Amino acid sequence: MTRSGGDFQPRPLKRLFTANQCWTSFLDAGGLRDIEVEAVTKMLACGTRILGVKEYNCDKPECPHVRYVTNSCGSRACPSCGKKRPQTCG
C-alpha cells in the first residue's frame, strides 16, 4: 500500500502560535475569553489528525494507492478555512 499525503499546505500563522511555546505561555498568563481560546485551538488543530482523517482508495482493485486527507476546522478565525467561507457564501 502506498500513501499519498497530498499537497502540503503551509500555515504560517500556526508557526507564530507554536514557536517557542508562545501559545502555551499566553494561555498560562490567562485573561483570554473562552471563545478566543476555542478559535485558536481550532485553528491549531486544522489540517491535522486531531480533527480526523478521511481515507480515499483507488477504484481499481489492483491499484495500491491510498490518499489520506485531514479534516479542516471550518472556523472563520482560521486563515485557511476563513478564506474559503466568503467564496462559498453569497
N, C-alpha and C. Protein backbone atom coordinates (compact mmCIF):
# COMPACT_ATOMS: atom_id res chain seq x y z
N MET A 1 0.85 -1.17 0.00
CA MET A 1 0.00 0.00 0.00
C MET A 1 0.90 1.24 0.00
N THR A 2 0.61 2.15 -0.89
CA THR A 2 1.36 3.39 -0.99
C THR A 2 0.55 4.52 -0.39
N ARG A 3 1.20 5.38 0.34
CA ARG A 3 0.50 6.53 0.92
C ARG A 3 0.78 7.77 0.09
N SER A 4 -0.26 8.52 -0.13
CA SER A 4 -0.12 9.79 -0.82
C SER A 4 -0.60 10.87 0.13
N GLY A 5 0.30 11.74 0.56
CA GLY A 5 -0.05 12.76 1.54
C GLY A 5 -0.74 13.97 0.95
N GLY A 6 -0.79 14.06 -0.38
CA GLY A 6 -1.43 15.22 -0.98
C GLY A 6 -0.51 16.42 -0.98
N ASP A 7 -1.05 17.54 -1.32
CA ASP A 7 -0.26 18.76 -1.37
C ASP A 7 -0.11 19.35 0.02
N PHE A 8 1.11 19.71 0.37
CA PHE A 8 1.36 20.33 1.67
C PHE A 8 0.86 21.76 1.63
N GLN A 9 0.09 22.15 2.62
CA GLN A 9 -0.44 23.49 2.72
C GLN A 9 0.22 24.19 3.92
N PRO A 10 1.24 25.02 3.68
CA PRO A 10 1.87 25.69 4.82
C PRO A 10 0.89 26.63 5.52
N ARG A 11 0.97 26.66 6.82
CA ARG A 11 0.10 27.51 7.61
C ARG A 11 0.98 28.38 8.51
N PRO A 12 1.45 29.52 7.97
CA PRO A 12 2.41 30.36 8.70
C PRO A 12 1.88 30.88 10.02
N LEU A 13 0.59 31.15 10.13
CA LEU A 13 0.04 31.67 11.38
C LEU A 13 0.20 30.65 12.51
N LYS A 14 0.12 29.37 12.18
CA LYS A 14 0.32 28.32 13.20
C LYS A 14 1.71 28.43 13.80
N ARG A 15 2.69 28.73 12.94
CA ARG A 15 4.07 28.84 13.43
C ARG A 15 4.22 29.97 14.44
N LEU A 16 3.48 31.05 14.24
CA LEU A 16 3.55 32.16 15.20
C LEU A 16 3.05 31.74 16.58
N PHE A 17 2.02 30.91 16.60
CA PHE A 17 1.45 30.47 17.88
C PHE A 17 2.26 29.36 18.53
N THR A 18 2.91 28.52 17.72
CA THR A 18 3.60 27.36 18.28
C THR A 18 5.09 27.57 18.52
N ALA A 19 5.69 28.57 17.90
CA ALA A 19 7.12 28.82 18.08
C ALA A 19 7.42 29.16 19.53
N ASN A 20 8.42 28.51 20.08
CA ASN A 20 8.88 28.76 21.45
C ASN A 20 7.76 28.65 22.49
N GLN A 21 6.82 27.77 22.24
CA GLN A 21 5.70 27.56 23.19
C GLN A 21 4.92 28.85 23.46
N CYS A 22 4.86 29.71 22.46
CA CYS A 22 4.22 31.02 22.60
C CYS A 22 2.75 30.91 23.04
N TRP A 23 1.98 30.05 22.38
CA TRP A 23 0.55 29.92 22.71
C TRP A 23 0.37 29.36 24.12
N THR A 24 1.19 28.40 24.49
CA THR A 24 1.10 27.83 25.84
C THR A 24 1.38 28.89 26.89
N SER A 25 2.39 29.70 26.67
CA SER A 25 2.71 30.78 27.62
C SER A 25 1.58 31.79 27.70
N PHE A 26 0.99 32.11 26.57
CA PHE A 26 -0.12 33.06 26.52
C PHE A 26 -1.33 32.52 27.28
N LEU A 27 -1.60 31.23 27.11
CA LEU A 27 -2.71 30.59 27.83
C LEU A 27 -2.47 30.60 29.33
N ASP A 28 -1.24 30.29 29.72
CA ASP A 28 -0.90 30.26 31.15
C ASP A 28 -1.05 31.63 31.80
N ALA A 29 -0.81 32.68 31.02
CA ALA A 29 -0.94 34.04 31.56
C ALA A 29 -2.39 34.40 31.85
N GLY A 30 -3.32 33.74 31.15
CA GLY A 30 -4.75 33.97 31.38
C GLY A 30 -5.26 35.24 30.74
N GLY A 31 -6.51 35.55 31.04
CA GLY A 31 -7.12 36.78 30.54
C GLY A 31 -7.81 36.64 29.19
N LEU A 32 -7.83 35.44 28.63
CA LEU A 32 -8.50 35.23 27.35
C LEU A 32 -9.92 34.73 27.56
N ARG A 33 -10.81 35.15 26.68
CA ARG A 33 -12.18 34.65 26.74
C ARG A 33 -12.22 33.24 26.16
N ASP A 34 -13.21 32.46 26.57
CA ASP A 34 -13.34 31.08 26.09
C ASP A 34 -13.44 31.01 24.57
N ILE A 35 -14.16 31.96 23.98
CA ILE A 35 -14.33 31.95 22.53
C ILE A 35 -13.01 32.20 21.81
N GLU A 36 -12.12 32.98 22.40
CA GLU A 36 -10.81 33.24 21.81
C GLU A 36 -9.93 31.98 21.89
N VAL A 37 -9.98 31.32 23.03
CA VAL A 37 -9.21 30.09 23.20
C VAL A 37 -9.72 29.03 22.23
N GLU A 38 -11.04 28.92 22.09
CA GLU A 38 -11.63 27.94 21.19
C GLU A 38 -11.22 28.21 19.74
N ALA A 39 -11.25 29.47 19.32
CA ALA A 39 -10.90 29.82 17.94
C ALA A 39 -9.45 29.46 17.62
N VAL A 40 -8.54 29.78 18.52
CA VAL A 40 -7.12 29.48 18.28
C VAL A 40 -6.88 27.98 18.36
N THR A 41 -7.53 27.30 19.27
CA THR A 41 -7.38 25.85 19.39
C THR A 41 -7.84 25.15 18.12
N LYS A 42 -8.97 25.59 17.57
CA LYS A 42 -9.46 25.02 16.30
C LYS A 42 -8.47 25.29 15.17
N MET A 43 -7.97 26.52 15.11
CA MET A 43 -7.03 26.89 14.05
C MET A 43 -5.76 26.04 14.13
N LEU A 44 -5.27 25.80 15.34
CA LEU A 44 -4.06 24.99 15.50
C LEU A 44 -4.30 23.52 15.14
N ALA A 45 -5.52 23.04 15.34
CA ALA A 45 -5.85 21.65 15.02
C ALA A 45 -6.20 21.45 13.55
N CYS A 46 -6.49 22.53 12.85
CA CYS A 46 -6.93 22.46 11.45
C CYS A 46 -5.86 21.79 10.58
N GLY A 47 -6.30 20.86 9.77
CA GLY A 47 -5.39 20.18 8.85
C GLY A 47 -4.49 19.16 9.52
N THR A 48 -4.81 18.77 10.75
CA THR A 48 -4.03 17.75 11.46
C THR A 48 -4.92 16.54 11.74
N ARG A 49 -4.32 15.49 12.19
CA ARG A 49 -5.08 14.27 12.51
C ARG A 49 -5.98 14.44 13.73
N ILE A 50 -5.80 15.50 14.47
CA ILE A 50 -6.63 15.76 15.65
C ILE A 50 -8.10 15.84 15.26
N LEU A 51 -8.39 16.44 14.11
CA LEU A 51 -9.78 16.59 13.65
C LEU A 51 -10.26 15.42 12.80
N GLY A 52 -9.42 14.43 12.64
CA GLY A 52 -9.80 13.25 11.88
C GLY A 52 -9.21 13.24 10.48
N VAL A 53 -9.25 12.06 9.88
CA VAL A 53 -8.68 11.85 8.56
C VAL A 53 -9.65 11.04 7.71
N LYS A 54 -9.78 11.43 6.45
CA LYS A 54 -10.58 10.65 5.50
C LYS A 54 -9.61 9.85 4.64
N GLU A 55 -9.99 8.62 4.35
CA GLU A 55 -9.16 7.75 3.53
C GLU A 55 -9.85 7.52 2.20
N TYR A 56 -9.14 7.75 1.12
CA TYR A 56 -9.67 7.53 -0.22
C TYR A 56 -8.83 6.47 -0.91
N ASN A 57 -9.50 5.42 -1.40
CA ASN A 57 -8.83 4.34 -2.10
C ASN A 57 -9.18 4.40 -3.58
N CYS A 58 -8.27 3.94 -4.40
CA CYS A 58 -8.50 3.87 -5.83
C CYS A 58 -9.59 2.84 -6.11
N ASP A 59 -10.40 3.08 -7.14
CA ASP A 59 -11.48 2.15 -7.50
C ASP A 59 -10.97 0.86 -8.11
N LYS A 60 -9.77 0.88 -8.65
CA LYS A 60 -9.21 -0.31 -9.28
C LYS A 60 -8.64 -1.23 -8.21
N PRO A 61 -9.07 -2.49 -8.17
CA PRO A 61 -8.58 -3.42 -7.13
C PRO A 61 -7.07 -3.63 -7.16
N GLU A 62 -6.46 -3.53 -8.35
CA GLU A 62 -5.02 -3.77 -8.45
C GLU A 62 -4.18 -2.54 -8.08
N CYS A 63 -4.83 -1.41 -7.87
CA CYS A 63 -4.11 -0.18 -7.55
C CYS A 63 -3.88 -0.06 -6.03
N PRO A 64 -2.62 0.10 -5.60
CA PRO A 64 -2.33 0.15 -4.16
C PRO A 64 -2.40 1.56 -3.56
N HIS A 65 -2.72 2.57 -4.37
CA HIS A 65 -2.67 3.95 -3.88
C HIS A 65 -3.81 4.27 -2.92
N VAL A 66 -3.43 4.92 -1.83
CA VAL A 66 -4.39 5.39 -0.83
C VAL A 66 -4.06 6.86 -0.58
N ARG A 67 -5.09 7.68 -0.49
CA ARG A 67 -4.88 9.11 -0.21
C ARG A 67 -5.56 9.43 1.11
N TYR A 68 -4.83 10.06 2.01
CA TYR A 68 -5.36 10.48 3.30
C TYR A 68 -5.51 11.99 3.29
N VAL A 69 -6.69 12.46 3.67
CA VAL A 69 -6.96 13.89 3.69
C VAL A 69 -7.42 14.26 5.10
N THR A 70 -6.73 15.21 5.70
CA THR A 70 -7.11 15.64 7.05
C THR A 70 -8.29 16.59 6.99
N ASN A 71 -9.12 16.55 8.01
CA ASN A 71 -10.29 17.42 8.08
C ASN A 71 -9.89 18.83 8.47
N SER A 72 -10.71 19.78 8.07
CA SER A 72 -10.46 21.18 8.42
C SER A 72 -11.40 21.59 9.55
N CYS A 73 -11.10 22.72 10.17
CA CYS A 73 -11.87 23.16 11.34
C CYS A 73 -13.14 23.93 10.96
N GLY A 74 -13.14 24.61 9.82
CA GLY A 74 -14.30 25.37 9.39
C GLY A 74 -14.51 26.68 10.14
N SER A 75 -13.53 27.10 10.90
CA SER A 75 -13.66 28.31 11.71
C SER A 75 -13.38 29.57 10.87
N ARG A 76 -14.13 30.62 11.14
CA ARG A 76 -13.89 31.90 10.46
C ARG A 76 -12.55 32.49 10.88
N ALA A 77 -12.08 32.15 12.07
CA ALA A 77 -10.82 32.69 12.57
C ALA A 77 -9.60 32.01 11.96
N CYS A 78 -9.81 30.88 11.33
CA CYS A 78 -8.71 30.13 10.72
C CYS A 78 -8.35 30.75 9.37
N PRO A 79 -7.07 31.04 9.12
CA PRO A 79 -6.69 31.65 7.85
C PRO A 79 -7.01 30.76 6.64
N SER A 80 -6.94 29.44 6.81
CA SER A 80 -7.24 28.54 5.69
C SER A 80 -8.74 28.41 5.46
N CYS A 81 -9.49 28.17 6.50
CA CYS A 81 -10.94 27.96 6.38
C CYS A 81 -11.69 29.27 6.21
N GLY A 82 -11.23 30.31 6.86
CA GLY A 82 -11.89 31.61 6.79
C GLY A 82 -11.84 32.22 5.40
N LYS A 83 -10.79 31.89 4.63
CA LYS A 83 -10.68 32.38 3.25
C LYS A 83 -11.72 31.73 2.36
N LYS A 84 -12.00 30.46 2.61
CA LYS A 84 -12.93 29.71 1.76
C LYS A 84 -14.37 30.13 2.00
N ARG A 85 -14.70 30.50 3.22
CA ARG A 85 -16.08 30.81 3.58
C ARG A 85 -16.69 31.93 2.73
N PRO A 86 -16.04 33.09 2.55
CA PRO A 86 -16.66 34.14 1.73
C PRO A 86 -16.86 33.71 0.28
N GLN A 87 -16.01 32.82 -0.22
CA GLN A 87 -16.14 32.36 -1.59
C GLN A 87 -17.36 31.47 -1.77
N THR A 88 -17.77 30.75 -0.72
CA THR A 88 -18.89 29.83 -0.84
C THR A 88 -20.21 30.45 -0.42
N CYS A 89 -20.16 31.53 0.34
CA CYS A 89 -21.39 32.19 0.78
C CYS A 89 -21.70 33.34 -0.17
N GLY A 90 -23.00 33.56 -0.39
CA GLY A 90 -23.46 34.60 -1.31
C GLY A 90 -23.20 35.91 -0.78
